[in-house]
């Protein structure tokens, strides 16, 4: 196994959460599923209705959430990998 670059995994997680947010917005707009809005409010506090502000702000916030979670996950993984690995080259 090898160590991973946390910033690249963070960007990948950020892109994935942004795509997930966009798919959720499409679901709300097309199918009128307003119950999903209640699930988004804890993560994106200004998500009251679907508008341009919530669209752009939600993209930014979801990318930042994903980047933070991905970066933290790989940072912790690399820490434990370095601590318990037999290969001490990196």
N, C-alpha and C. Protein backbone atom coordinates (compact mmCIF):
# COMPACT_ATOMS: atom_id res chain seq x y z
N UNK A 1 0.84 -1.18 0.00
CA UNK A 1 0.00 0.00 0.00
C UNK A 1 0.88 1.23 0.00
N UNK A 2 0.36 2.30 -0.47
CA UNK A 2 1.14 3.52 -0.49
C UNK A 2 0.35 4.65 0.15
N UNK A 3 1.06 5.67 0.49
CA UNK A 3 0.41 6.85 1.05
C UNK A 3 -0.21 7.65 -0.08
N UNK A 4 -1.27 8.36 0.25
CA UNK A 4 -2.00 9.14 -0.74
C UNK A 4 -1.83 10.63 -0.46
N UNK A 5 -1.96 11.44 -1.49
CA UNK A 5 -1.95 12.89 -1.34
C UNK A 5 -3.33 13.33 -0.88
N UNK A 6 -3.39 13.94 0.27
CA UNK A 6 -4.68 14.30 0.86
C UNK A 6 -5.41 15.36 0.05
N UNK A 7 -4.67 16.29 -0.56
CA UNK A 7 -5.35 17.36 -1.29
C UNK A 7 -6.07 16.84 -2.52
N UNK A 8 -5.49 15.83 -3.20
CA UNK A 8 -6.16 15.30 -4.39
C UNK A 8 -7.39 14.48 -4.03
N UNK A 9 -7.31 13.73 -2.96
CA UNK A 9 -8.48 12.97 -2.51
C UNK A 9 -9.56 13.95 -2.02
N UNK A 10 -9.14 15.04 -1.37
CA UNK A 10 -10.10 16.06 -0.94
C UNK A 10 -10.83 16.68 -2.12
N UNK A 11 -10.09 16.95 -3.20
CA UNK A 11 -10.73 17.51 -4.40
C UNK A 11 -11.69 16.50 -5.01
N UNK A 12 -11.30 15.23 -5.03
CA UNK A 12 -12.19 14.20 -5.58
C UNK A 12 -13.46 14.08 -4.75
N UNK A 13 -13.33 14.08 -3.42
CA UNK A 13 -14.52 14.02 -2.55
C UNK A 13 -15.37 15.28 -2.74
N UNK A 14 -14.73 16.43 -2.89
CA UNK A 14 -15.46 17.67 -3.12
C UNK A 14 -16.27 17.63 -4.40
N UNK A 15 -15.68 17.11 -5.47
CA UNK A 15 -16.40 16.98 -6.74
C UNK A 15 -17.55 15.99 -6.60
N UNK A 16 -17.33 14.90 -5.90
CA UNK A 16 -18.38 13.90 -5.72
C UNK A 16 -19.56 14.47 -4.92
N UNK A 17 -19.28 15.22 -3.86
CA UNK A 17 -20.38 15.78 -3.08
C UNK A 17 -21.10 16.88 -3.85
N UNK A 18 -20.39 17.60 -4.71
CA UNK A 18 -21.03 18.61 -5.55
C UNK A 18 -21.98 17.94 -6.54
N UNK A 19 -21.55 16.86 -7.15
CA UNK A 19 -22.42 16.12 -8.07
C UNK A 19 -23.63 15.57 -7.33
N UNK A 20 -23.43 15.06 -6.13
CA UNK A 20 -24.54 14.56 -5.33
C UNK A 20 -25.53 15.67 -4.99
N UNK A 21 -25.01 16.86 -4.67
CA UNK A 21 -25.88 18.01 -4.39
C UNK A 21 -26.68 18.40 -5.63
N UNK A 22 -26.02 18.42 -6.79
CA UNK A 22 -26.73 18.78 -8.02
C UNK A 22 -27.81 17.76 -8.35
N UNK A 23 -27.53 16.48 -8.14
CA UNK A 23 -28.55 15.47 -8.38
C UNK A 23 -29.73 15.61 -7.42
N UNK A 24 -29.44 16.00 -6.19
CA UNK A 24 -30.51 16.23 -5.22
C UNK A 24 -31.36 17.42 -5.63
N UNK A 25 -30.71 18.50 -6.12
CA UNK A 25 -31.48 19.66 -6.59
C UNK A 25 -32.34 19.31 -7.80
N UNK A 26 -31.80 18.53 -8.71
CA UNK A 26 -32.59 18.10 -9.87
C UNK A 26 -33.79 17.29 -9.42
N UNK A 27 -33.60 16.44 -8.44
CA UNK A 27 -34.70 15.64 -7.89
C UNK A 27 -35.77 16.55 -7.28
N UNK A 28 -35.33 17.58 -6.56
CA UNK A 28 -36.29 18.50 -5.95
C UNK A 28 -37.04 19.28 -7.02
N UNK A 29 -36.33 19.76 -8.05
CA UNK A 29 -36.96 20.58 -9.08
C UNK A 29 -37.90 19.76 -9.96
N UNK A 30 -37.46 18.61 -10.45
CA UNK A 30 -38.26 17.84 -11.40
C UNK A 30 -39.42 17.13 -10.71
N UNK A 31 -39.16 16.47 -9.61
CA UNK A 31 -40.20 15.66 -8.97
C UNK A 31 -40.92 16.38 -7.85
N UNK A 32 -40.50 17.60 -7.52
CA UNK A 32 -41.17 18.36 -6.46
C UNK A 32 -41.03 17.74 -5.10
N UNK A 33 -39.92 17.07 -4.87
CA UNK A 33 -39.69 16.38 -3.61
C UNK A 33 -39.14 17.35 -2.57
N UNK A 34 -40.01 18.13 -1.97
CA UNK A 34 -39.59 19.15 -1.01
C UNK A 34 -39.12 18.55 0.32
N UNK A 35 -39.37 17.27 0.55
CA UNK A 35 -38.91 16.64 1.79
C UNK A 35 -37.39 16.55 1.84
N UNK A 36 -36.75 16.52 0.68
CA UNK A 36 -35.29 16.48 0.66
C UNK A 36 -34.67 17.78 1.16
N UNK A 37 -35.40 18.89 1.03
CA UNK A 37 -34.89 20.16 1.53
C UNK A 37 -34.66 20.10 3.03
N UNK A 38 -35.53 19.44 3.74
CA UNK A 38 -35.36 19.30 5.19
C UNK A 38 -34.11 18.51 5.54
N UNK A 39 -33.70 17.59 4.67
CA UNK A 39 -32.48 16.83 4.91
C UNK A 39 -31.22 17.63 4.61
N UNK A 40 -31.33 18.64 3.75
CA UNK A 40 -30.17 19.44 3.38
C UNK A 40 -29.91 20.60 4.35
N UNK A 41 -30.91 21.03 5.08
CA UNK A 41 -30.77 22.20 5.96
C UNK A 41 -29.67 22.03 7.01
N UNK A 42 -29.46 20.87 7.64
CA UNK A 42 -28.35 20.77 8.60
C UNK A 42 -26.97 20.97 7.96
N UNK A 43 -26.82 20.60 6.71
CA UNK A 43 -25.52 20.74 6.04
C UNK A 43 -25.37 22.07 5.33
N UNK A 44 -26.46 22.58 4.78
CA UNK A 44 -26.46 23.86 4.07
C UNK A 44 -27.56 24.71 4.69
N UNK A 45 -27.22 25.54 5.69
CA UNK A 45 -28.24 26.23 6.49
C UNK A 45 -29.15 27.17 5.71
N UNK A 46 -28.70 27.75 4.61
CA UNK A 46 -29.51 28.70 3.87
C UNK A 46 -30.39 28.04 2.81
N UNK A 47 -30.50 26.72 2.84
CA UNK A 47 -31.27 25.97 1.85
C UNK A 47 -32.74 25.95 2.24
N UNK A 48 -33.43 27.07 2.03
CA UNK A 48 -34.87 27.14 2.33
C UNK A 48 -35.70 26.77 1.11
N UNK A 49 -35.37 27.37 -0.01
CA UNK A 49 -36.04 27.07 -1.28
C UNK A 49 -34.97 26.93 -2.35
N UNK A 50 -35.38 26.48 -3.51
CA UNK A 50 -34.45 26.35 -4.62
C UNK A 50 -34.45 27.67 -5.39
N UNK A 51 -33.32 28.35 -5.36
CA UNK A 51 -33.14 29.60 -6.10
C UNK A 51 -31.70 29.66 -6.59
N UNK A 52 -31.37 30.73 -7.30
CA UNK A 52 -30.00 30.85 -7.81
C UNK A 52 -29.00 30.94 -6.66
N UNK A 53 -29.35 31.68 -5.61
CA UNK A 53 -28.45 31.82 -4.46
C UNK A 53 -28.18 30.48 -3.79
N UNK A 54 -29.22 29.70 -3.58
CA UNK A 54 -29.01 28.40 -2.94
C UNK A 54 -28.29 27.43 -3.88
N UNK A 55 -28.48 27.61 -5.19
CA UNK A 55 -27.80 26.76 -6.17
C UNK A 55 -26.28 27.01 -6.12
N UNK A 56 -25.87 28.27 -6.25
CA UNK A 56 -24.44 28.59 -6.26
C UNK A 56 -23.84 28.38 -4.87
N UNK A 57 -24.51 28.85 -3.84
CA UNK A 57 -24.02 28.66 -2.48
C UNK A 57 -23.94 27.20 -2.09
N UNK A 58 -24.92 26.42 -2.51
CA UNK A 58 -24.92 24.99 -2.21
C UNK A 58 -23.79 24.25 -2.90
N UNK A 59 -23.46 24.65 -4.12
CA UNK A 59 -22.33 24.05 -4.82
C UNK A 59 -21.04 24.33 -4.07
N UNK A 60 -20.87 25.57 -3.65
CA UNK A 60 -19.64 25.95 -2.93
C UNK A 60 -19.56 25.21 -1.59
N UNK A 61 -20.64 25.24 -0.83
CA UNK A 61 -20.64 24.60 0.49
C UNK A 61 -20.48 23.09 0.38
N UNK A 62 -21.14 22.46 -0.58
CA UNK A 62 -21.00 21.01 -0.71
C UNK A 62 -19.59 20.63 -1.14
N UNK A 63 -18.96 21.44 -2.01
CA UNK A 63 -17.58 21.15 -2.37
C UNK A 63 -16.66 21.29 -1.16
N UNK A 64 -16.87 22.33 -0.36
CA UNK A 64 -16.03 22.52 0.82
C UNK A 64 -16.22 21.40 1.84
N UNK A 65 -17.47 20.96 2.04
CA UNK A 65 -17.73 19.83 2.94
C UNK A 65 -17.00 18.59 2.45
N UNK A 66 -17.14 18.29 1.17
CA UNK A 66 -16.49 17.10 0.61
C UNK A 66 -14.98 17.19 0.67
N UNK A 67 -14.43 18.37 0.36
CA UNK A 67 -12.98 18.54 0.42
C UNK A 67 -12.48 18.32 1.84
N UNK A 68 -13.16 18.92 2.81
CA UNK A 68 -12.75 18.78 4.20
C UNK A 68 -12.81 17.33 4.65
N UNK A 69 -13.90 16.63 4.33
CA UNK A 69 -14.04 15.24 4.76
C UNK A 69 -13.03 14.32 4.07
N UNK A 70 -12.82 14.52 2.78
CA UNK A 70 -11.84 13.71 2.06
C UNK A 70 -10.43 13.96 2.53
N UNK A 71 -10.10 15.22 2.75
CA UNK A 71 -8.76 15.58 3.23
C UNK A 71 -8.52 14.97 4.61
N UNK A 72 -9.50 15.12 5.49
CA UNK A 72 -9.36 14.59 6.85
C UNK A 72 -9.25 13.07 6.84
N UNK A 73 -10.06 12.40 6.02
CA UNK A 73 -10.02 10.94 5.94
C UNK A 73 -8.63 10.45 5.51
N UNK A 74 -8.07 11.04 4.47
CA UNK A 74 -6.77 10.59 3.98
C UNK A 74 -5.65 11.03 4.92
N UNK A 75 -5.80 12.16 5.56
CA UNK A 75 -4.81 12.59 6.54
C UNK A 75 -4.72 11.58 7.69
N UNK A 76 -5.87 11.14 8.18
CA UNK A 76 -5.90 10.13 9.25
C UNK A 76 -5.37 8.80 8.74
N UNK A 77 -5.74 8.42 7.52
CA UNK A 77 -5.24 7.18 6.94
C UNK A 77 -3.72 7.22 6.84
N UNK A 78 -3.16 8.30 6.33
CA UNK A 78 -1.71 8.41 6.19
C UNK A 78 -1.01 8.39 7.55
N UNK A 79 -1.63 8.99 8.56
CA UNK A 79 -1.06 8.99 9.90
C UNK A 79 -0.94 7.56 10.42
N UNK A 80 -2.03 6.79 10.34
CA UNK A 80 -2.00 5.42 10.83
C UNK A 80 -1.14 4.52 9.94
N UNK A 81 -1.11 4.79 8.65
CA UNK A 81 -0.25 4.01 7.77
C UNK A 81 1.21 4.21 8.14
N UNK A 82 1.58 5.44 8.38
CA UNK A 82 2.97 5.73 8.76
C UNK A 82 3.30 5.12 10.12
N UNK A 83 2.34 5.15 11.02
CA UNK A 83 2.57 4.65 12.37
C UNK A 83 2.72 3.13 12.42
N UNK A 84 1.90 2.41 11.64
CA UNK A 84 1.88 0.97 11.74
C UNK A 84 2.56 0.25 10.58
N UNK A 85 3.06 0.98 9.61
CA UNK A 85 3.67 0.36 8.45
C UNK A 85 5.06 -0.14 8.76
N UNK A 86 5.42 -1.24 8.15
CA UNK A 86 6.78 -1.77 8.28
C UNK A 86 7.75 -1.01 7.39
N UNK A 87 7.22 -0.40 6.32
CA UNK A 87 8.03 0.37 5.40
C UNK A 87 8.11 1.81 5.92
N UNK A 88 9.26 2.23 6.41
CA UNK A 88 9.42 3.57 6.97
C UNK A 88 10.11 4.52 6.00
N UNK A 89 9.87 4.31 4.70
CA UNK A 89 10.54 5.17 3.72
C UNK A 89 9.84 6.51 3.55
N UNK A 90 8.56 6.63 3.92
CA UNK A 90 7.87 7.88 3.67
C UNK A 90 7.20 8.38 4.85
